[in-house]
Every structure is written in C-alpha cells, then in structure tokens.
Amino acid sequence: MIPAFIALGANLEAPLRQIQAAVEALRQLPHSRFVACSPLYRSTPMGPADQPDYINGVAWLETDLTAHALLDAMQRIELDQGRVRKDERWGPRTLDLDLLLFGNEQINDARLTVPHYGMKQRAFVLLPLSDLVPDLVLPCGTPLRALAESCDRDGLQPLADTL
C-alpha cells in the first residue's frame, strides 16, 4: 500500500463538522486504510480577507488506489459535502481536500500535481503534516521538519477539538 497525505480545509457551513465528515468518508474509502488525522488548526484565509477563518488538518491513508483514483474519490467527497467549484481562487468553501503526497511519486499532469505545488509555503499544511510524520523527507529530498520549523505561523492557532 502507498502512503498518501491529504490536506483538509473548510470554512463554511460548520467547518469542524465538515472536516469530521470528510475524515469519516476517508475512513470508508475502498482499497484503503485510514492511518491517522493530525491535530486541527484555525488559519486565516489565503484569499479574499472577507471570508471566515479555515479549519485545517492532514489525513494519512495507506491505499492501493492510483493517485488519480484517489483524487476522484476525494472530489466525490467534496461534492457530497456541498463543494461548489468556482473560478475564484482561494475563496470560501465547505470542504477542500488536496492530495499533498502520494508515496514518493512526483506527478505533474493536467489534473494533478504531487507533491502539492504550494505545500512547502503553507503553515496550515506543514504543521499538521509534521504533527503526523515529523521525520518525513519529501520526494525532493527536503526534510519536512526543516520546512515546518522555518514557516511563518502568523494566523495559525491549534484547536482544542481533535478527531
């Protein structure tokens, strides 16, 4: 089975419940085993400032699915939870699931970029991922710990709620 790490984010329609429902849906994925979910964090939005804060975390799965089949399953979960894809980048959403890492694979095609293109700059991804696997080394050879220790944590707050 291949380890896969999925970023979780929500800022609309009871975000904590959206994250909890997404984790439950990921637990049910066929040909996969749910390993863990990171602690959750509250973060300020990257996009328009006139939107609510996000709740973020990272889920860890082991899967026999292909990266594209996993992406399809993740997008079904988003749609089932009311995600509406808009042209606005980084806007508010009920649920955002991003495939961060898929084993040591490097994928760059029309539908999928893995490792996720922005993960090295986003504290709301680096810290929860580091909570799960602090000694992880990214496919490019960069230690996750170094990125997590040097990232800007401004606006990121741990939540007391855990999954």
Protein backbone atom coordinates (compact mmCIF):
# COMPACT_ATOMS: atom_id res chain seq x y z
CA MET A 1 0.00 0.00 0.00
CA ILE A 2 1.11 3.55 -0.74
CA PRO A 3 1.08 6.23 1.96
CA ALA A 4 -1.00 9.24 0.93
CA PHE A 5 -1.36 12.51 2.79
CA ILE A 6 -4.44 14.67 2.22
CA ALA A 7 -4.85 18.29 3.32
CA LEU A 8 -8.24 19.04 4.89
CA GLY A 9 -9.72 22.52 4.87
CA ALA A 10 -13.14 24.09 5.43
CA ASN A 11 -14.52 27.50 6.31
CA LEU A 12 -18.25 27.33 5.51
CA GLU A 13 -21.29 25.56 6.95
CA ALA A 14 -19.89 24.39 10.30
CA PRO A 15 -16.26 23.81 9.23
CA LEU A 16 -15.40 21.47 12.10
CA ARG A 17 -18.33 19.21 11.21
CA GLN A 18 -17.28 19.34 7.54
CA ILE A 19 -13.79 18.14 8.49
CA GLN A 20 -15.20 15.42 10.74
CA ALA A 21 -17.49 14.21 7.93
CA ALA A 22 -14.60 14.23 5.46
CA VAL A 23 -12.45 12.16 7.81
CA GLU A 24 -15.30 9.66 8.20
CA ALA A 25 -15.67 9.47 4.40
CA LEU A 26 -11.92 8.91 4.00
CA ARG A 27 -12.16 6.09 6.56
CA GLN A 28 -14.67 4.38 4.26
CA LEU A 29 -12.62 4.54 1.04
CA PRO A 30 -12.25 1.16 -0.64
CA HIS A 31 -8.81 -0.39 -1.03
CA SER A 32 -7.51 1.99 1.62
CA ARG A 33 -6.69 2.05 5.31
CA PHE A 34 -7.10 5.22 7.34
CA VAL A 35 -3.99 5.66 9.50
CA ALA A 36 -4.47 8.97 11.36
CA CYS A 37 -5.61 12.55 11.32
CA SER A 38 -3.44 15.37 12.57
CA PRO A 39 -4.49 17.84 15.21
CA LEU A 40 -6.59 20.62 13.74
CA TYR A 41 -5.67 24.27 13.32
CA ARG A 42 -7.51 27.52 12.68
CA SER A 43 -5.93 29.65 9.95
CA THR A 44 -6.61 32.96 8.32
CA PRO A 45 -7.69 32.67 4.67
CA MET A 46 -5.09 32.92 1.90
CA GLY A 47 -7.55 34.52 -0.47
CA PRO A 48 -10.08 37.29 0.00
CA ALA A 49 -9.96 38.62 3.56
CA ASP A 50 -13.75 38.94 3.79
CA GLN A 51 -14.25 35.24 4.45
CA PRO A 52 -14.26 33.18 7.66
CA ASP A 53 -11.14 31.56 9.07
CA TYR A 54 -10.38 28.00 7.98
CA ILE A 55 -10.15 24.80 9.95
CA ASN A 56 -7.23 22.73 8.62
CA GLY A 57 -5.62 19.38 9.19
CA VAL A 58 -3.99 16.49 7.35
CA ALA A 59 -5.21 12.91 6.94
CA TRP A 60 -2.89 9.96 6.43
CA LEU A 61 -4.07 6.96 4.41
CA GLU A 62 -2.45 3.88 3.01
CA THR A 63 -4.04 2.91 -0.27
CA ASP A 64 -3.96 0.55 -3.22
CA LEU A 65 -5.80 3.14 -5.31
CA THR A 66 -3.91 5.02 -8.00
CA ALA A 67 -3.28 8.69 -7.35
CA HIS A 68 -5.94 9.64 -9.91
CA ALA A 69 -8.50 7.22 -8.46
CA LEU A 70 -7.82 8.71 -5.02
CA LEU A 71 -8.25 12.21 -6.47
CA ASP A 72 -11.60 11.13 -7.97
CA ALA A 73 -12.72 9.79 -4.59
CA MET A 74 -11.63 12.99 -2.84
CA GLN A 75 -13.56 15.13 -5.32
CA ARG A 76 -16.68 12.98 -4.77
CA ILE A 77 -16.39 13.58 -1.04
CA GLU A 78 -16.09 17.33 -1.64
CA LEU A 79 -19.17 17.31 -3.88
CA ASP A 80 -21.14 15.19 -1.41
CA GLN A 81 -20.41 17.84 1.22
CA GLY A 82 -21.62 20.71 -0.93
CA ARG A 83 -18.39 21.89 -2.53
CA VAL A 84 -19.06 24.17 -5.47
CA ARG A 85 -16.06 24.76 -7.72
CA LYS A 86 -15.80 28.38 -8.79
CA ASP A 87 -13.34 30.36 -10.83
CA GLU A 88 -12.41 32.35 -7.71
CA ARG A 89 -9.12 31.05 -6.39
CA TRP A 90 -8.76 30.57 -2.62
CA GLY A 91 -12.34 31.56 -1.95
CA PRO A 92 -14.57 30.20 0.81
CA ARG A 93 -15.65 26.55 0.63
CA THR A 94 -17.46 23.89 2.55
CA LEU A 95 -14.59 21.46 2.03
CA ASP A 96 -11.22 21.39 0.31
CA LEU A 97 -9.26 18.15 0.01
CA ASP A 98 -5.82 18.31 -1.59
CA LEU A 99 -3.55 15.37 -2.27
CA LEU A 100 -0.25 16.50 -0.77
CA LEU A 101 1.91 13.41 -1.15
CA PHE A 102 1.43 10.02 -2.76
CA GLY A 103 4.32 7.87 -1.64
CA ASN A 104 7.45 9.28 -3.24
CA GLU A 105 5.74 9.80 -6.57
CA GLN A 106 6.10 13.01 -8.48
CA ILE A 107 3.10 13.64 -10.73
CA ASN A 108 2.51 16.66 -12.90
CA ASP A 109 -0.31 16.36 -15.40
CA ALA A 110 -3.44 18.28 -16.36
CA ARG A 111 -5.40 17.03 -13.32
CA LEU A 112 -2.88 16.51 -10.58
CA THR A 113 0.38 17.87 -9.20
CA VAL A 114 2.04 15.81 -6.46
CA PRO A 115 3.72 16.82 -4.26
CA HIS A 116 1.15 19.58 -3.95
CA TYR A 117 2.55 22.71 -5.56
CA GLY A 118 2.07 25.02 -2.55
CA MET A 119 2.67 22.76 0.40
CA LYS A 120 6.20 23.99 1.18
CA GLN A 121 4.96 27.52 1.86
CA ARG A 122 1.80 26.81 3.84
CA ALA A 123 1.99 26.52 7.60
CA PHE A 124 -1.57 25.17 7.70
CA VAL A 125 -0.23 22.16 5.75
CA LEU A 126 3.32 21.86 7.10
CA LEU A 127 2.47 21.88 10.81
CA PRO A 128 -0.33 19.28 10.74
CA LEU A 129 1.75 17.08 8.42
CA SER A 130 4.71 17.45 10.76
CA ASP A 131 2.47 16.51 13.69
CA LEU A 132 1.79 13.20 11.91
CA VAL A 133 5.23 12.36 10.48
CA PRO A 134 7.91 14.73 11.82
CA ASP A 135 10.78 12.78 10.26
CA LEU A 136 9.26 12.67 6.77
CA VAL A 137 11.52 13.58 3.88
CA LEU A 138 9.75 14.97 0.81
CA PRO A 139 10.35 13.35 -2.60
CA CYS A 140 12.68 16.26 -3.49
CA GLY A 141 14.91 15.34 -0.51
CA THR A 142 13.82 18.22 1.76
CA PRO A 143 13.23 17.25 5.40
CA LEU A 144 9.71 18.21 6.47
CA ARG A 145 10.99 19.20 9.91
CA ALA A 146 13.16 21.98 8.40
CA LEU A 147 10.20 23.42 6.49
CA ALA A 148 7.87 23.22 9.50
CA GLU A 149 10.38 24.90 11.80
CA SER A 150 11.02 27.80 9.43
CA CYS A 151 7.48 28.50 8.17
CA ASP A 152 5.57 31.67 9.04
CA ARG A 153 2.95 30.64 11.62
CA ASP A 154 1.21 34.00 11.66
CA GLY A 155 -2.53 33.48 11.96
CA LEU A 156 -2.27 29.74 12.72
CA GLN A 157 -3.76 28.54 16.00
CA PRO A 158 -4.10 24.97 17.30
CA LEU A 159 -7.67 23.95 18.08
CA ALA A 160 -8.64 22.13 21.22
CA ASP A 161 -11.02 19.96 19.15
CA THR A 162 -9.39 16.81 17.84
CA LEU A 163 -10.64 13.97 15.72
